[in-house]
Amino acid sequence: MNQNTLTEIITEQTKRALWEVKNVIECVPDEFWDKKYCDMPCWKHIYHMLHSLDLWYINPNDKNFQEPLIHETDLNNLDKISHKVLSKEEINSYFSDIEKKIMLYLSDLTDEELLDYPSDCKYCKFTLILAQFRHLHTHMGMIMGFLIDDTGLWPKVLGLEQPFPKGAYNKYL
C-alpha cells in the first residue's frame, strides 16, 4: 500500500471498503433478501447504506446530484415502509455506479483539497469521507450480524493487510 499522501491512503481504504460491501451483498442468500430486520427487509438496509454513500461521500448538497433510476421517495429511509422491492441485480448495478463515481472522484482529489468545502456544503471533503466510512461500517456491521446470525457464516473481509482475491474465492471466512 502506498502511503505517501492522504489521498492515496483514502483511495486504498475506499477500495477495500467497497470490496467488502460488494462481498457482503453477494453473501446475502436469496431466502434472506426480503427478510425483515428491525422491521425493514435486508435489501433496504443495503440500499440505505449505498444511497448514503452515493449522496454523502462527495457532496450532499450537489445541485447536479441525480437519484438513481431505481429510487423513489423514502426508499432509502429505514423509518418508512416501502412498497417497492429492489432485486439483488438492481442493488449490484447501483453499487457499480457508486463505485465508479467515487473512484473517479478520488482519482482527481489531492491532499490540498481535503480541507476544502464542496459547493453549498457545511462540511469539508475530508469530513464527508470519514463520516461515510463511519456510516458505511455501522451498517456493514449490522448486515454482517444479520447474516452471521441467520447462516452461521462470516462474510470475508480484507482488513488492512489481506490481498484482494483474484479469480474465484471463498466469500466467507
Protein backbone atom coordinates (compact mmCIF):
# COMPACT_ATOMS: atom_id res chain seq x y z
CA MET A 1 0.00 0.00 0.00
CA ASN A 2 1.28 3.40 -0.99
CA GLN A 3 1.17 5.77 2.00
CA ASN A 4 2.85 8.86 0.60
CA THR A 5 -0.27 11.04 0.58
CA LEU A 6 -3.52 11.13 2.47
CA THR A 7 -5.48 10.72 -0.76
CA GLU A 8 -3.54 7.54 -1.61
CA ILE A 9 -4.46 6.14 1.80
CA ILE A 10 -8.11 7.22 1.42
CA THR A 11 -8.25 5.66 -2.05
CA GLU A 12 -6.79 2.35 -0.87
CA GLN A 13 -9.08 2.15 2.14
CA THR A 14 -12.08 3.08 -0.01
CA LYS A 15 -11.23 0.28 -2.46
CA ARG A 16 -11.03 -2.15 0.45
CA ALA A 17 -14.31 -0.93 1.95
CA LEU A 18 -16.10 -1.15 -1.40
CA TRP A 19 -14.76 -4.67 -2.00
CA GLU A 20 -16.16 -5.69 1.39
CA VAL A 21 -19.54 -4.08 0.63
CA LYS A 22 -19.75 -5.98 -2.65
CA ASN A 23 -18.82 -9.22 -0.91
CA VAL A 24 -21.42 -8.74 1.82
CA ILE A 25 -24.11 -8.12 -0.79
CA GLU A 26 -23.05 -11.34 -2.52
CA CYS A 27 -23.25 -13.20 0.80
CA VAL A 28 -26.95 -12.45 1.30
CA PRO A 29 -28.77 -15.67 0.44
CA ASP A 30 -31.84 -15.23 -1.77
CA GLU A 31 -34.08 -16.50 1.02
CA PHE A 32 -32.93 -13.64 3.29
CA TRP A 33 -33.08 -10.84 0.69
CA ASP A 34 -36.60 -9.83 1.78
CA LYS A 35 -36.32 -10.98 5.39
CA LYS A 36 -37.13 -8.23 7.85
CA TYR A 37 -34.55 -6.99 10.32
CA CYS A 38 -35.63 -4.14 12.61
CA ASP A 39 -38.89 -4.04 10.61
CA MET A 40 -37.17 -3.50 7.23
CA PRO A 41 -36.08 -6.03 4.61
CA CYS A 42 -32.39 -6.81 4.27
CA TRP A 43 -32.20 -5.25 0.80
CA LYS A 44 -33.50 -1.94 2.22
CA HIS A 45 -30.71 -1.85 4.81
CA ILE A 46 -28.25 -2.33 1.93
CA TYR A 47 -29.94 0.32 -0.21
CA HIS A 48 -29.94 2.80 2.69
CA MET A 49 -26.21 2.23 3.16
CA LEU A 50 -25.48 2.61 -0.57
CA HIS A 51 -27.72 5.64 -1.05
CA SER A 52 -25.99 7.47 1.80
CA LEU A 53 -22.61 6.60 0.29
CA ASP A 54 -23.77 7.90 -3.09
CA LEU A 55 -25.17 11.15 -1.70
CA TRP A 56 -22.79 12.00 1.15
CA TYR A 57 -19.30 10.79 0.15
CA ILE A 58 -18.76 13.70 -2.28
CA ASN A 59 -21.32 16.43 -1.57
CA PRO A 60 -24.81 16.00 -0.11
CA ASN A 61 -25.82 19.41 -1.48
CA ASP A 62 -24.66 18.89 -5.05
CA LYS A 63 -27.27 20.60 -7.21
CA ASN A 64 -26.44 18.13 -10.01
CA PHE A 65 -26.92 15.01 -7.89
CA GLN A 66 -29.34 12.64 -9.57
CA GLU A 67 -31.18 9.95 -7.71
CA PRO A 68 -30.68 6.51 -9.21
CA LEU A 69 -33.42 5.37 -11.58
CA ILE A 70 -34.49 2.75 -9.03
CA HIS A 71 -35.12 5.39 -6.36
CA GLU A 72 -38.47 6.60 -5.14
CA THR A 73 -39.34 8.84 -2.21
CA ASP A 74 -38.22 7.36 1.14
CA LEU A 75 -36.82 4.18 -0.40
CA ASN A 76 -33.60 4.92 1.49
CA ASN A 77 -35.41 5.75 4.74
CA LEU A 78 -35.22 2.95 7.30
CA ASP A 79 -38.11 4.53 9.22
CA LYS A 80 -40.55 4.33 6.29
CA ILE A 81 -42.05 1.17 4.81
CA SER A 82 -41.66 0.97 1.04
CA HIS A 83 -43.91 -0.81 -1.39
CA LYS A 84 -41.19 -1.06 -4.00
CA VAL A 85 -38.81 -4.02 -3.73
CA LEU A 86 -35.28 -3.96 -5.14
CA SER A 87 -33.64 -7.04 -6.59
CA LYS A 88 -30.06 -8.06 -5.96
CA GLU A 89 -29.34 -7.21 -9.61
CA GLU A 90 -30.66 -3.67 -9.14
CA ILE A 91 -28.61 -3.24 -5.95
CA ASN A 92 -25.48 -4.62 -7.67
CA SER A 93 -25.95 -2.26 -10.61
CA TYR A 94 -26.39 0.71 -8.27
CA PHE A 95 -23.31 -0.37 -6.29
CA SER A 96 -21.28 -0.49 -9.52
CA ASP A 97 -22.39 3.04 -10.44
CA ILE A 98 -21.43 4.36 -7.00
CA GLU A 99 -18.07 2.61 -7.09
CA LYS A 100 -17.22 4.18 -10.47
CA LYS A 101 -18.36 7.62 -9.32
CA ILE A 102 -16.31 7.51 -6.11
CA MET A 103 -13.18 6.14 -7.75
CA LEU A 104 -13.35 8.84 -10.43
CA TYR A 105 -13.73 11.47 -7.71
CA LEU A 106 -10.75 10.10 -5.79
CA SER A 107 -8.59 9.92 -8.91
CA ASP A 108 -8.61 13.74 -9.08
CA LEU A 109 -8.67 14.55 -5.36
CA THR A 110 -5.48 15.98 -3.84
CA ASP A 111 -4.36 16.32 -0.24
CA GLU A 112 -4.60 20.09 -0.57
CA GLU A 113 -8.32 19.79 -1.40
CA LEU A 114 -9.26 17.63 1.59
CA LEU A 115 -9.99 20.65 3.77
CA ASP A 116 -11.92 22.43 1.00
CA TYR A 117 -15.68 22.70 1.27
CA PRO A 118 -17.76 21.45 -1.64
CA SER A 119 -20.22 23.94 -3.09
CA ASP A 120 -23.11 24.76 -0.72
CA CYS A 121 -21.82 22.27 1.88
CA LYS A 122 -21.02 22.97 5.51
CA TYR A 123 -18.59 20.02 5.74
CA CYS A 124 -15.13 19.77 4.22
CA LYS A 125 -14.30 16.93 1.83
CA PHE A 126 -12.31 15.03 4.44
CA THR A 127 -15.17 15.18 6.95
CA LEU A 128 -17.61 13.84 4.35
CA ILE A 129 -15.32 10.92 3.51
CA LEU A 130 -14.67 9.99 7.14
CA ALA A 131 -18.34 10.33 8.01
CA GLN A 132 -19.22 7.92 5.22
CA PHE A 133 -16.66 5.39 6.44
CA ARG A 134 -18.34 5.60 9.86
CA HIS A 135 -21.86 5.30 8.44
CA LEU A 136 -20.91 2.58 5.96
CA HIS A 137 -19.26 0.38 8.55
CA THR A 138 -22.04 0.87 11.09
CA HIS A 139 -24.46 -0.59 8.56
CA MET A 140 -21.98 -3.19 7.31
CA GLY A 141 -21.67 -4.44 10.89
CA MET A 142 -25.44 -4.67 11.22
CA ILE A 143 -25.85 -6.51 7.91
CA MET A 144 -22.97 -8.86 8.70
CA GLY A 145 -24.58 -9.53 12.09
CA PHE A 146 -27.86 -10.42 10.38
CA LEU A 147 -26.02 -12.81 8.05
CA ILE A 148 -23.90 -14.42 10.76
CA ASP A 149 -26.94 -14.94 12.97
CA ASP A 150 -29.02 -16.47 10.16
CA THR A 151 -26.37 -18.52 8.34
CA GLY A 152 -23.60 -19.09 10.87
CA LEU A 153 -21.20 -17.86 8.17
CA TRP A 154 -18.92 -14.82 8.48
CA PRO A 155 -18.52 -12.80 5.25
CA LYS A 156 -14.88 -12.37 4.21
CA VAL A 157 -13.25 -9.02 4.98
CA LEU A 158 -9.88 -7.76 3.80
CA GLY A 159 -8.80 -5.75 6.79
CA LEU A 160 -5.69 -3.67 6.32
CA GLU A 161 -3.31 -6.33 5.03
CA GLN A 162 -5.18 -9.09 3.19
CA PRO A 163 -4.65 -9.01 -0.58
CA PHE A 164 -7.63 -8.56 -2.87
CA PRO A 165 -8.75 -12.00 -4.04
CA LYS A 166 -8.10 -12.80 -7.69
CA GLY A 167 -10.45 -15.09 -9.55
CA ALA A 168 -12.74 -17.42 -7.66
CA TYR A 169 -12.58 -17.11 -3.88
CA ASN A 170 -14.49 -18.20 -0.79
CA LYS A 171 -16.75 -15.26 0.10
CA TYR A 172 -16.80 -16.39 3.74
CA LEU A 173 -14.01 -16.61 6.31
